[in-house]
Amino acid sequence: MIASKDNSNNEIETLQIDITQQDLINIDELVTIAQRNSSQIREAKAAMGLSPFNDVMSVELSASTDNSFTSYEDFYITLTIDPIKMLTATKQLSVVENRWHEEKRLKRVAVVQSYVEYLQARQASKIAVYQMQKFTGDSRIASIDTQIKPQKIINHISNADYVAAATEMLNTNTRERVALEQLAACVGLSPQATTTIINKP
């Protein structure tokens, strides 16, 4: 087991080494929302309506008048079906349906990829925090702690190992934020709503 110690609450935090069952549940929920919000998927589904069959059949209404003393009209409805157009429309509908399923699969892949990238970025941030604890004694960055004396900050900045750890922590926090924004955009939710789904118990 790989673990890091969180000095703020003295608890051991385990690092993730695989996709958990909860991750799969989160992914399914995010995929469902993403597919519902996708304009491409909605357009593909709408195209499966009756529009491919608009030109397949024609309806003609005609009337004939009896010129006898008792005048009346007979109405006739003529329905004409073009078998060639019917075959073409059926094939077109099959293509449109395949496109709908393809759009759904592509959206799922995009959500899974964004989710995994967010997990990796979040874990990288945890590791960077752990490395910083060697210098700060807690999960805070020393350079932004107003209680630390200026001379102590200077000593830290002159330490190449500290500079490397602080730079890595900044980079990983930035990547985590970008990964969250990308996942939220892929799903069609706000970052806050996306985080709520991911972090739910």
N, C-alpha and C. Protein backbone atom coordinates (compact mmCIF):
# COMPACT_ATOMS: atom_id res chain seq x y z
N MET A 1 0.84 -1.20 0.00
CA MET A 1 0.00 0.00 0.00
C MET A 1 0.88 1.25 0.00
N ILE A 2 0.55 2.19 -0.84
CA ILE A 2 1.27 3.45 -0.88
C ILE A 2 0.44 4.48 -0.14
N ALA A 3 1.07 5.18 0.80
CA ALA A 3 0.29 6.11 1.61
C ALA A 3 1.11 7.33 1.93
N SER A 4 0.40 8.43 2.18
CA SER A 4 1.04 9.65 2.64
C SER A 4 0.35 10.10 3.91
N LYS A 5 1.09 10.75 4.81
CA LYS A 5 0.54 11.16 6.09
C LYS A 5 0.10 12.60 6.04
N ASP A 6 -1.15 12.84 6.38
CA ASP A 6 -1.69 14.19 6.45
C ASP A 6 -1.50 14.70 7.87
N ASN A 7 -0.54 15.60 8.09
CA ASN A 7 -0.22 16.07 9.43
C ASN A 7 -1.31 16.94 10.03
N SER A 8 -2.23 17.43 9.22
CA SER A 8 -3.28 18.30 9.74
C SER A 8 -4.27 17.52 10.59
N ASN A 9 -4.45 16.22 10.31
CA ASN A 9 -5.39 15.44 11.11
C ASN A 9 -4.79 14.10 11.53
N ASN A 10 -3.47 13.92 11.28
CA ASN A 10 -2.75 12.72 11.69
C ASN A 10 -3.35 11.45 11.10
N GLU A 11 -3.96 11.53 9.92
CA GLU A 11 -4.52 10.37 9.27
C GLU A 11 -3.65 9.99 8.08
N ILE A 12 -3.59 8.69 7.82
CA ILE A 12 -2.84 8.20 6.68
C ILE A 12 -3.76 8.22 5.46
N GLU A 13 -3.30 8.89 4.41
CA GLU A 13 -4.10 8.99 3.18
C GLU A 13 -3.53 8.03 2.15
N THR A 14 -4.36 7.10 1.70
CA THR A 14 -3.91 6.09 0.76
C THR A 14 -3.94 6.63 -0.66
N LEU A 15 -2.89 6.35 -1.41
CA LEU A 15 -2.86 6.73 -2.81
C LEU A 15 -3.57 5.68 -3.65
N GLN A 16 -4.24 6.12 -4.69
CA GLN A 16 -5.04 5.22 -5.53
C GLN A 16 -4.15 4.51 -6.54
N ILE A 17 -4.36 3.21 -6.70
CA ILE A 17 -3.55 2.43 -7.63
C ILE A 17 -4.38 1.79 -8.73
N ASP A 18 -5.71 1.94 -8.69
CA ASP A 18 -6.55 1.42 -9.77
C ASP A 18 -7.89 2.17 -9.77
N ILE A 19 -8.71 1.85 -10.74
CA ILE A 19 -10.04 2.45 -10.84
C ILE A 19 -10.97 1.68 -9.92
N THR A 20 -11.57 2.36 -8.97
CA THR A 20 -12.41 1.70 -7.98
C THR A 20 -13.84 1.54 -8.49
N GLN A 21 -14.63 0.78 -7.73
CA GLN A 21 -16.04 0.61 -8.06
C GLN A 21 -16.77 1.94 -7.99
N GLN A 22 -16.39 2.79 -7.02
CA GLN A 22 -17.01 4.10 -6.91
C GLN A 22 -16.68 4.96 -8.12
N ASP A 23 -15.47 4.83 -8.62
CA ASP A 23 -15.10 5.55 -9.84
C ASP A 23 -15.99 5.15 -11.00
N LEU A 24 -16.26 3.86 -11.13
CA LEU A 24 -17.11 3.37 -12.22
C LEU A 24 -18.53 3.91 -12.07
N ILE A 25 -19.01 3.99 -10.84
CA ILE A 25 -20.34 4.56 -10.60
C ILE A 25 -20.35 6.03 -10.98
N ASN A 26 -19.30 6.75 -10.57
CA ASN A 26 -19.20 8.17 -10.92
C ASN A 26 -19.15 8.36 -12.43
N ILE A 27 -18.38 7.53 -13.11
CA ILE A 27 -18.26 7.63 -14.56
C ILE A 27 -19.61 7.41 -15.24
N ASP A 28 -20.34 6.39 -14.81
CA ASP A 28 -21.65 6.11 -15.41
C ASP A 28 -22.59 7.30 -15.23
N GLU A 29 -22.57 7.90 -14.04
CA GLU A 29 -23.44 9.05 -13.79
C GLU A 29 -23.04 10.25 -14.65
N LEU A 30 -21.74 10.48 -14.74
CA LEU A 30 -21.26 11.60 -15.55
C LEU A 30 -21.53 11.37 -17.04
N VAL A 31 -21.40 10.12 -17.49
CA VAL A 31 -21.68 9.81 -18.90
C VAL A 31 -23.14 10.05 -19.22
N THR A 32 -24.03 9.62 -18.33
CA THR A 32 -25.46 9.83 -18.55
C THR A 32 -25.79 11.31 -18.68
N ILE A 33 -25.20 12.11 -17.81
CA ILE A 33 -25.44 13.56 -17.86
C ILE A 33 -24.84 14.15 -19.13
N ALA A 34 -23.64 13.71 -19.47
CA ALA A 34 -22.96 14.24 -20.66
C ALA A 34 -23.72 13.91 -21.93
N GLN A 35 -24.23 12.70 -22.03
CA GLN A 35 -25.00 12.31 -23.22
C GLN A 35 -26.31 13.08 -23.30
N ARG A 36 -26.90 13.37 -22.17
CA ARG A 36 -28.14 14.15 -22.15
C ARG A 36 -27.88 15.60 -22.56
N ASN A 37 -26.72 16.12 -22.21
CA ASN A 37 -26.40 17.52 -22.50
C ASN A 37 -25.77 17.72 -23.88
N SER A 38 -25.38 16.64 -24.54
CA SER A 38 -24.66 16.75 -25.81
C SER A 38 -25.58 17.17 -26.95
N SER A 39 -25.26 18.27 -27.61
CA SER A 39 -26.06 18.72 -28.75
C SER A 39 -25.89 17.77 -29.93
N GLN A 40 -24.70 17.18 -30.10
CA GLN A 40 -24.48 16.25 -31.20
C GLN A 40 -25.36 15.02 -31.06
N ILE A 41 -25.48 14.51 -29.83
CA ILE A 41 -26.31 13.33 -29.61
C ILE A 41 -27.78 13.67 -29.79
N ARG A 42 -28.20 14.83 -29.32
CA ARG A 42 -29.60 15.23 -29.50
C ARG A 42 -29.94 15.40 -30.98
N GLU A 43 -29.02 15.98 -31.74
CA GLU A 43 -29.25 16.16 -33.17
C GLU A 43 -29.33 14.82 -33.89
N ALA A 44 -28.46 13.90 -33.52
CA ALA A 44 -28.47 12.58 -34.15
C ALA A 44 -29.76 11.83 -33.82
N LYS A 45 -30.25 11.99 -32.61
CA LYS A 45 -31.49 11.32 -32.23
C LYS A 45 -32.68 11.93 -32.95
N ALA A 46 -32.68 13.26 -33.09
CA ALA A 46 -33.78 13.94 -33.78
C ALA A 46 -33.84 13.54 -35.25
N ALA A 47 -32.68 13.25 -35.82
CA ALA A 47 -32.62 12.87 -37.24
C ALA A 47 -33.23 11.51 -37.49
N MET A 48 -33.50 10.73 -36.43
CA MET A 48 -34.11 9.42 -36.60
C MET A 48 -35.63 9.48 -36.68
N GLY A 49 -36.18 10.68 -36.79
CA GLY A 49 -37.63 10.84 -36.88
C GLY A 49 -38.16 10.43 -38.24
N LEU A 50 -39.25 11.07 -38.65
CA LEU A 50 -39.90 10.72 -39.92
C LEU A 50 -39.31 11.45 -41.12
N SER A 51 -38.38 12.36 -40.91
CA SER A 51 -37.85 13.17 -42.01
C SER A 51 -37.26 12.34 -43.16
N PRO A 52 -36.59 11.19 -42.90
CA PRO A 52 -36.06 10.44 -44.04
C PRO A 52 -37.16 9.91 -44.97
N PHE A 53 -38.40 9.84 -44.47
CA PHE A 53 -39.48 9.26 -45.25
C PHE A 53 -40.41 10.32 -45.85
N ASN A 54 -39.99 11.57 -45.79
CA ASN A 54 -40.85 12.65 -46.29
C ASN A 54 -41.18 12.50 -47.76
N ASP A 55 -40.23 12.05 -48.56
CA ASP A 55 -40.43 11.96 -50.00
C ASP A 55 -40.77 10.55 -50.47
N VAL A 56 -40.97 9.65 -49.54
CA VAL A 56 -41.22 8.26 -49.92
C VAL A 56 -42.63 8.09 -50.47
N MET A 57 -43.59 8.77 -49.87
CA MET A 57 -44.98 8.61 -50.28
C MET A 57 -45.61 9.96 -50.57
N SER A 58 -46.59 9.94 -51.42
CA SER A 58 -47.33 11.15 -51.74
C SER A 58 -48.83 10.86 -51.63
N VAL A 59 -49.56 11.83 -51.16
CA VAL A 59 -51.01 11.70 -50.99
C VAL A 59 -51.69 12.73 -51.87
N GLU A 60 -52.67 12.27 -52.66
CA GLU A 60 -53.38 13.17 -53.57
C GLU A 60 -54.88 13.07 -53.29
N LEU A 61 -55.50 14.21 -53.11
CA LEU A 61 -56.94 14.28 -52.86
C LEU A 61 -57.62 14.83 -54.11
N SER A 62 -58.60 14.09 -54.64
CA SER A 62 -59.31 14.52 -55.83
C SER A 62 -60.80 14.38 -55.63
N ALA A 63 -61.56 15.11 -56.41
CA ALA A 63 -63.02 15.09 -56.29
C ALA A 63 -63.64 15.05 -57.68
N SER A 64 -64.74 14.37 -57.78
CA SER A 64 -65.50 14.33 -59.04
C SER A 64 -66.93 14.75 -58.76
N THR A 65 -67.51 15.53 -59.68
CA THR A 65 -68.86 16.07 -59.49
C THR A 65 -69.84 15.36 -60.42
N ASP A 66 -70.97 14.93 -59.87
CA ASP A 66 -72.04 14.32 -60.67
C ASP A 66 -72.92 15.45 -61.21
N ASN A 67 -73.07 15.51 -62.53
CA ASN A 67 -73.83 16.61 -63.16
C ASN A 67 -75.33 16.32 -63.28
N SER A 68 -75.78 15.29 -62.64
CA SER A 68 -77.21 14.97 -62.69
C SER A 68 -78.00 15.96 -61.86
N PHE A 69 -79.32 15.77 -61.84
CA PHE A 69 -80.21 16.68 -61.11
C PHE A 69 -79.83 16.76 -59.63
N THR A 70 -79.51 15.59 -59.07
CA THR A 70 -79.05 15.55 -57.68
C THR A 70 -77.52 15.59 -57.72
N SER A 71 -76.98 16.78 -57.52
CA SER A 71 -75.54 16.97 -57.64
C SER A 71 -74.83 16.56 -56.35
N TYR A 72 -73.77 15.84 -56.51
CA TYR A 72 -72.95 15.49 -55.35
C TYR A 72 -71.52 15.31 -55.81
N GLU A 73 -70.61 15.24 -54.86
CA GLU A 73 -69.20 15.08 -55.16
C GLU A 73 -68.64 13.82 -54.52
N ASP A 74 -67.82 13.14 -55.26
CA ASP A 74 -67.08 12.00 -54.72
C ASP A 74 -65.62 12.43 -54.49
N PHE A 75 -65.10 12.09 -53.33
CA PHE A 75 -63.71 12.42 -52.99
C PHE A 75 -62.87 11.15 -53.02
N TYR A 76 -61.69 11.28 -53.59
CA TYR A 76 -60.78 10.15 -53.71
C TYR A 76 -59.42 10.53 -53.11
N ILE A 77 -58.86 9.60 -52.40
CA ILE A 77 -57.52 9.77 -51.86
C ILE A 77 -56.61 8.75 -52.51
N THR A 78 -55.55 9.25 -53.13
CA THR A 78 -54.60 8.37 -53.80
C THR A 78 -53.27 8.39 -53.05
N LEU A 79 -52.83 7.25 -52.60
CA LEU A 79 -51.57 7.11 -51.87
C LEU A 79 -50.56 6.41 -52.77
N THR A 80 -49.45 7.09 -53.02
CA THR A 80 -48.43 6.55 -53.89
C THR A 80 -47.13 6.37 -53.10
N ILE A 81 -46.58 5.18 -53.16
CA ILE A 81 -45.33 4.87 -52.46
C ILE A 81 -44.26 4.54 -53.49
N ASP A 82 -43.14 5.21 -53.36
CA ASP A 82 -42.01 4.97 -54.26
C ASP A 82 -41.11 3.92 -53.61
N PRO A 83 -41.08 2.72 -54.15
CA PRO A 83 -40.28 1.65 -53.50
C PRO A 83 -38.78 1.96 -53.46
N ILE A 84 -38.26 2.64 -54.49
CA ILE A 84 -36.84 2.98 -54.52
C ILE A 84 -36.50 3.97 -53.42
N LYS A 85 -37.36 5.00 -53.28
CA LYS A 85 -37.15 5.98 -52.21
C LYS A 85 -37.33 5.35 -50.84
N MET A 86 -38.24 4.39 -50.73
CA MET A 86 -38.44 3.69 -49.47
C MET A 86 -37.17 2.95 -49.06
N LEU A 87 -36.56 2.27 -50.01
CA LEU A 87 -35.32 1.54 -49.73
C LEU A 87 -34.21 2.50 -49.34
N THR A 88 -34.11 3.62 -50.05
CA THR A 88 -33.08 4.61 -49.75
C THR A 88 -33.28 5.21 -48.36
N ALA A 89 -34.54 5.51 -48.03
CA ALA A 89 -34.85 6.10 -46.72
C ALA A 89 -34.54 5.13 -45.59
N THR A 90 -34.82 3.84 -45.82
CA THR A 90 -34.53 2.83 -44.80
C THR A 90 -33.02 2.75 -44.53
N LYS A 91 -32.24 2.77 -45.62
CA LYS A 91 -30.79 2.75 -45.46
C LYS A 91 -30.30 4.02 -44.75
N GLN A 92 -30.90 5.15 -45.11
CA GLN A 92 -30.51 6.41 -44.49
C GLN A 92 -30.81 6.41 -43.00
N LEU A 93 -31.96 5.83 -42.64
CA LEU A 93 -32.32 5.75 -41.23
C LEU A 93 -31.33 4.89 -40.46
N SER A 94 -30.87 3.81 -41.10
CA SER A 94 -29.89 2.94 -40.46
C SER A 94 -28.59 3.69 -40.22
N VAL A 95 -28.17 4.49 -41.19
CA VAL A 95 -26.95 5.29 -41.04
C VAL A 95 -27.10 6.30 -39.92
N VAL A 96 -28.26 6.96 -39.86
CA VAL A 96 -28.50 7.96 -38.82
C VAL A 96 -28.50 7.31 -37.43
N GLU A 97 -29.09 6.13 -37.34
CA GLU A 97 -29.12 5.43 -36.05
C GLU A 97 -27.71 5.03 -35.62
N ASN A 98 -26.90 4.57 -36.58
CA ASN A 98 -25.52 4.23 -36.27
C ASN A 98 -24.74 5.46 -35.80
N ARG A 99 -25.03 6.59 -36.42
CA ARG A 99 -24.37 7.84 -36.02
C ARG A 99 -24.76 8.21 -34.59
N TRP A 100 -26.01 8.00 -34.23
CA TRP A 100 -26.48 8.30 -32.87
C TRP A 100 -25.72 7.44 -31.85
N HIS A 101 -25.61 6.14 -32.14
CA HIS A 101 -24.87 5.25 -31.22
C HIS A 101 -23.39 5.62 -31.19
N GLU A 102 -22.85 6.00 -32.32
CA GLU A 102 -21.44 6.39 -32.36
C GLU A 102 -21.18 7.64 -31.54
N GLU A 103 -22.06 8.62 -31.63
CA GLU A 103 -21.91 9.84 -30.84
C GLU A 103 -21.98 9.53 -29.35
N LYS A 104 -22.83 8.61 -28.96
CA LYS A 104 -22.93 8.22 -27.55
C LYS A 104 -21.65 7.54 -27.09
N ARG A 105 -21.10 6.66 -27.94
CA ARG A 105 -19.86 5.98 -27.57
C ARG A 105 -18.70 6.96 -27.47
N LEU A 106 -18.62 7.89 -28.41
CA LEU A 106 -17.55 8.88 -28.38
C LEU A 106 -17.64 9.76 -27.14
N LYS A 107 -18.86 10.12 -26.76
CA LYS A 107 -19.03 10.94 -25.56
C LYS A 107 -18.60 10.16 -24.32
N ARG A 108 -18.92 8.88 -24.26
CA ARG A 108 -18.51 8.07 -23.11
C ARG A 108 -16.99 7.99 -23.02
N VAL A 109 -16.35 7.74 -24.14
CA VAL A 109 -14.87 7.66 -24.16
C VAL A 109 -14.27 8.99 -23.69
N ALA A 110 -14.84 10.10 -24.16
CA ALA A 110 -14.32 11.42 -23.78
C ALA A 110 -14.46 11.65 -22.27
N VAL A 111 -15.59 11.24 -21.71
CA VAL A 111 -15.81 11.42 -20.27
C VAL A 111 -14.85 10.54 -19.48
N VAL A 112 -14.70 9.29 -19.88
CA VAL A 112 -13.78 8.38 -19.18
C VAL A 112 -12.37 8.92 -19.22
N GLN A 113 -11.93 9.38 -20.39
CA GLN A 113 -10.58 9.91 -20.52
C GLN A 113 -10.38 11.14 -19.64
N SER A 114 -11.35 12.05 -19.65
CA SER A 114 -11.24 13.26 -18.82
C SER A 114 -11.26 12.91 -17.34
N TYR A 115 -12.08 11.93 -16.97
CA TYR A 115 -12.17 11.52 -15.56
C TYR A 115 -10.84 10.94 -15.08
N VAL A 116 -10.25 10.06 -15.89
CA VAL A 116 -8.98 9.43 -15.50
C VAL A 116 -7.87 10.49 -15.42
N GLU A 117 -7.87 11.42 -16.35
CA GLU A 117 -6.87 12.49 -16.31
C GLU A 117 -7.03 13.34 -15.05
N TYR A 118 -8.26 13.54 -14.63
CA TYR A 118 -8.48 14.29 -13.39
C TYR A 118 -7.99 13.50 -12.18
N LEU A 119 -8.27 12.20 -12.15
CA LEU A 119 -7.77 11.37 -11.05
C LEU A 119 -6.25 11.42 -10.96
N GLN A 120 -5.59 11.32 -12.10
CA GLN A 120 -4.12 11.36 -12.12
C GLN A 120 -3.60 12.70 -11.64
N ALA A 121 -4.24 13.79 -12.09
CA ALA A 121 -3.80 15.12 -11.69
C ALA A 121 -4.03 15.34 -10.19
N ARG A 122 -5.16 14.85 -9.69
CA ARG A 122 -5.46 15.02 -8.26
C ARG A 122 -4.46 14.24 -7.40
N GLN A 123 -4.11 13.05 -7.83
CA GLN A 123 -3.16 12.26 -7.05
C GLN A 123 -1.77 12.88 -7.10
N ALA A 124 -1.40 13.42 -8.26
CA ALA A 124 -0.10 14.10 -8.37
C ALA A 124 -0.02 15.27 -7.40
N SER A 125 -1.15 15.95 -7.21
CA SER A 125 -1.19 17.06 -6.24
C SER A 125 -0.98 16.55 -4.82
N LYS A 126 -1.57 15.41 -4.49
CA LYS A 126 -1.41 14.83 -3.15
C LYS A 126 0.06 14.48 -2.90
N ILE A 127 0.70 13.91 -3.90
CA ILE A 127 2.11 13.54 -3.76
C ILE A 127 2.97 14.78 -3.58
N ALA A 128 2.65 15.84 -4.33
CA ALA A 128 3.40 17.09 -4.21
C ALA A 128 3.23 17.69 -2.82
N VAL A 129 2.03 17.61 -2.26
CA VAL A 129 1.79 18.09 -0.90
C VAL A 129 2.64 17.30 0.09
N TYR A 130 2.69 16.00 -0.08
CA TYR A 130 3.50 15.16 0.80
C TYR A 130 4.97 15.55 0.76
N GLN A 131 5.48 15.85 -0.45
CA GLN A 131 6.87 16.27 -0.58
C GLN A 131 7.11 17.61 0.12
N MET A 132 6.13 18.49 0.06
CA MET A 132 6.28 19.79 0.72
C MET A 132 6.30 19.67 2.23
N GLN A 133 5.70 18.63 2.76
CA GLN A 133 5.67 18.46 4.22
C GLN A 133 7.07 18.30 4.80
N LYS A 134 7.99 17.88 3.98
CA LYS A 134 9.38 17.75 4.46
C LYS A 134 9.95 19.11 4.84
N PHE A 135 9.43 20.18 4.22
CA PHE A 135 9.96 21.51 4.46
C PHE A 135 9.06 22.35 5.36
N THR A 136 7.77 22.13 5.33
CA THR A 136 6.85 23.00 6.05
C THR A 136 6.29 22.36 7.31
N GLY A 137 6.30 21.04 7.38
CA GLY A 137 5.74 20.38 8.55
C GLY A 137 4.24 20.21 8.46
N ASP A 138 3.59 20.78 7.45
CA ASP A 138 2.16 20.58 7.22
C ASP A 138 1.90 20.75 5.73
N SER A 139 0.62 20.79 5.35
CA SER A 139 0.28 20.81 3.94
C SER A 139 0.23 22.22 3.35
N ARG A 140 0.58 23.22 4.14
CA ARG A 140 0.58 24.60 3.63
C ARG A 140 1.90 24.92 2.94
N ILE A 141 1.84 25.85 1.99
CA ILE A 141 3.06 26.31 1.34
C ILE A 141 3.68 27.39 2.21
N ALA A 142 4.96 27.22 2.56
CA ALA A 142 5.60 28.14 3.50
C ALA A 142 5.61 29.57 2.98
N SER A 143 5.77 29.75 1.68
CA SER A 143 5.92 31.10 1.15
C SER A 143 4.65 31.93 1.25
N ILE A 144 3.48 31.29 1.51
CA ILE A 144 2.25 32.07 1.63
C ILE A 144 1.72 32.04 3.07
N ASP A 145 2.51 31.51 3.98
CA ASP A 145 2.11 31.48 5.39
C ASP A 145 2.61 32.78 6.03
N THR A 146 1.68 33.65 6.40
CA THR A 146 2.05 34.97 6.93
C THR A 146 2.72 34.88 8.29
N GLN A 147 2.63 33.73 8.96
CA GLN A 147 3.22 33.59 10.27
C GLN A 147 4.70 33.21 10.21
N ILE A 148 5.18 32.85 9.02
CA ILE A 148 6.59 32.47 8.90
C ILE A 148 7.43 33.73 8.71
N LYS A 149 8.54 33.80 9.39
CA LYS A 149 9.40 34.97 9.34
C LYS A 149 10.06 35.10 7.96
N PRO A 150 10.29 36.32 7.50
CA PRO A 150 10.92 36.53 6.18
C PRO A 150 12.23 35.79 6.02
N GLN A 151 13.06 35.76 7.09
CA GLN A 151 14.36 35.10 6.98
C GLN A 151 14.20 33.60 6.69
N LYS A 152 13.15 33.01 7.28
CA LYS A 152 12.90 31.58 7.06
C LYS A 152 12.51 31.33 5.61
N ILE A 153 11.72 32.26 5.03
CA ILE A 153 11.33 32.14 3.64
C ILE A 153 12.55 32.23 2.74
N ILE A 154 13.45 33.15 3.03
CA ILE A 154 14.67 33.31 2.23
C ILE A 154 15.49 32.03 2.28
N ASN A 155 15.60 31.46 3.46
CA ASN A 155 16.36 30.22 3.59
C ASN A 155 15.74 29.10 2.76
N HIS A 156 14.39 29.06 2.72
CA HIS A 156 13.71 28.05 1.92
C HIS A 156 13.97 28.28 0.44
N ILE A 157 13.88 29.51 0.00
CA ILE A 157 14.06 29.81 -1.43
C ILE A 157 15.48 29.50 -1.89
N SER A 158 16.41 29.62 -0.99
CA SER A 158 17.80 29.31 -1.35
C SER A 158 18.06 27.81 -1.40
N ASN A 159 17.09 27.04 -0.96
CA ASN A 159 17.22 25.58 -0.95
C ASN A 159 16.67 25.03 -2.27
N ALA A 160 17.54 24.43 -3.06
CA ALA A 160 17.13 23.95 -4.39
C ALA A 160 16.06 22.87 -4.30
N ASP A 161 16.14 22.02 -3.27
CA ASP A 161 15.14 20.96 -3.11
C ASP A 161 13.77 21.55 -2.80
N TYR A 162 13.77 22.60 -1.95
CA TYR A 162 12.50 23.26 -1.62
C TYR A 162 11.91 23.92 -2.86
N VAL A 163 12.75 24.61 -3.63
CA VAL A 163 12.26 25.28 -4.84
C VAL A 163 11.65 24.26 -5.79
N ALA A 164 12.30 23.11 -5.95
CA ALA A 164 11.78 22.07 -6.84
C ALA A 164 10.44 21.53 -6.34
N ALA A 165 10.34 21.34 -5.02
CA ALA A 165 9.09 20.81 -4.45
C ALA A 165 7.97 21.83 -4.58
N ALA A 166 8.28 23.11 -4.31
CA ALA A 166 7.26 24.14 -4.42
C ALA A 166 6.79 24.32 -5.86
N THR A 167 7.73 24.26 -6.80
CA THR A 167 7.38 24.39 -8.22
C THR A 167 6.51 23.23 -8.67
N GLU A 168 6.86 22.04 -8.22
CA GLU A 168 6.07 20.86 -8.58
C GLU A 168 4.67 20.93 -7.99
N MET A 169 4.56 21.45 -6.78
CA MET A 169 3.26 21.58 -6.15
C MET A 169 2.38 22.57 -6.91
N LEU A 170 2.98 23.69 -7.32
CA LEU A 170 2.24 24.66 -8.12
C LEU A 170 1.79 24.04 -9.44
N ASN A 171 2.69 23.32 -10.09
CA ASN A 171 2.37 22.71 -11.38
C ASN A 171 1.25 21.67 -11.25
N THR A 172 1.33 20.85 -10.22
CA THR A 172 0.32 19.81 -10.06
C THR A 172 -1.03 20.40 -9.68
N ASN A 173 -1.04 21.42 -8.84
CA ASN A 173 -2.31 22.07 -8.50
C ASN A 173 -2.95 22.70 -9.72
N THR A 174 -2.11 23.28 -10.58
CA THR A 174 -2.62 23.88 -11.81
C THR A 174 -3.19 22.83 -12.74
N ARG A 175 -2.46 21.73 -12.89
CA ARG A 175 -2.93 20.65 -13.76
C ARG A 175 -4.23 20.04 -13.23
N GLU A 176 -4.35 19.94 -11.91
CA GLU A 176 -5.58 19.41 -11.33
C GLU A 176 -6.76 20.31 -11.65
N ARG A 177 -6.55 21.62 -11.55
CA ARG A 177 -7.64 22.55 -11.84
C ARG A 177 -8.05 22.49 -13.31
N VAL A 178 -7.05 22.45 -14.19
CA VAL A 178 -7.34 22.38 -15.62
C VAL A 178 -8.07 21.07 -15.95
N ALA A 179 -7.63 19.97 -15.34
CA ALA A 179 -8.27 18.68 -15.58
C ALA A 179 -9.72 18.69 -15.12
N LEU A 180 -9.99 19.34 -13.99
CA LEU A 180 -11.36 19.45 -13.51
C LEU A 180 -12.21 20.28 -14.46
N GLU A 181 -11.67 21.39 -14.94
CA GLU A 181 -12.40 22.23 -15.89
C GLU A 181 -12.71 21.47 -17.18
N GLN A 182 -11.75 20.68 -17.64
CA GLN A 182 -11.96 19.91 -18.87
C GLN A 182 -13.02 18.83 -18.67
N LEU A 183 -12.99 18.17 -17.55
CA LEU A 183 -14.01 17.15 -17.25
C LEU A 183 -15.39 17.79 -17.16
N ALA A 184 -15.49 18.91 -16.46
CA ALA A 184 -16.77 19.60 -16.32
C ALA A 184 -17.31 20.04 -17.68
N ALA A 185 -16.43 20.56 -18.54
CA ALA A 185 -16.85 20.99 -19.87
C ALA A 185 -17.31 19.80 -20.71
N CYS A 186 -16.64 18.68 -20.57
CA CYS A 186 -17.02 17.48 -21.31
C CYS A 186 -18.39 16.98 -20.89
N VAL A 187 -18.68 17.08 -19.60
CA VAL A 187 -19.97 16.60 -19.08
C VAL A 187 -21.08 17.62 -19.31
N GLY A 188 -20.72 18.90 -19.31
CA GLY A 188 -21.72 19.94 -19.44
C GLY A 188 -22.24 20.43 -18.10
N LEU A 189 -21.39 20.34 -17.07
CA LEU A 189 -21.74 20.82 -15.74
C LEU A 189 -20.71 21.86 -15.31
N SER A 190 -21.00 22.52 -14.20
CA SER A 190 -20.03 23.42 -13.60
C SER A 190 -18.98 22.59 -12.86
N PRO A 191 -17.79 23.15 -12.65
CA PRO A 191 -16.78 22.42 -11.88
C PRO A 191 -17.28 22.04 -10.48
N GLN A 192 -18.06 22.93 -9.86
CA GLN A 192 -18.58 22.64 -8.53
C GLN A 192 -19.52 21.44 -8.54
N ALA A 193 -20.43 21.40 -9.51
CA ALA A 193 -21.36 20.28 -9.61
C ALA A 193 -20.63 18.99 -9.93
N THR A 194 -19.62 19.08 -10.77
CA THR A 194 -18.83 17.88 -11.12
C THR A 194 -18.10 17.35 -9.90
N THR A 195 -17.50 18.25 -9.11
CA THR A 195 -16.79 17.85 -7.90
C THR A 195 -17.74 17.19 -6.90
N THR A 196 -18.95 17.71 -6.81
CA THR A 196 -19.95 17.14 -5.90
C THR A 196 -20.23 15.68 -6.25
N ILE A 197 -20.35 15.38 -7.53
CA ILE A 197 -20.60 14.01 -7.97
C ILE A 197 -19.40 13.12 -7.66
N ILE A 198 -18.21 13.62 -7.93
CA ILE A 198 -17.01 12.82 -7.75
C ILE A 198 -16.74 12.53 -6.27
N ASN A 199 -16.99 13.51 -5.42
CA ASN A 199 -16.64 13.38 -4.00
C ASN A 199 -17.78 12.90 -3.11
N LYS A 200 -18.89 12.53 -3.71
CA LYS A 200 -20.00 12.10 -2.87
C LYS A 200 -19.65 10.79 -2.15
N PRO A 201 -20.15 10.60 -0.93
CA PRO A 201 -19.81 9.40 -0.16
C PRO A 201 -20.40 8.14 -0.77
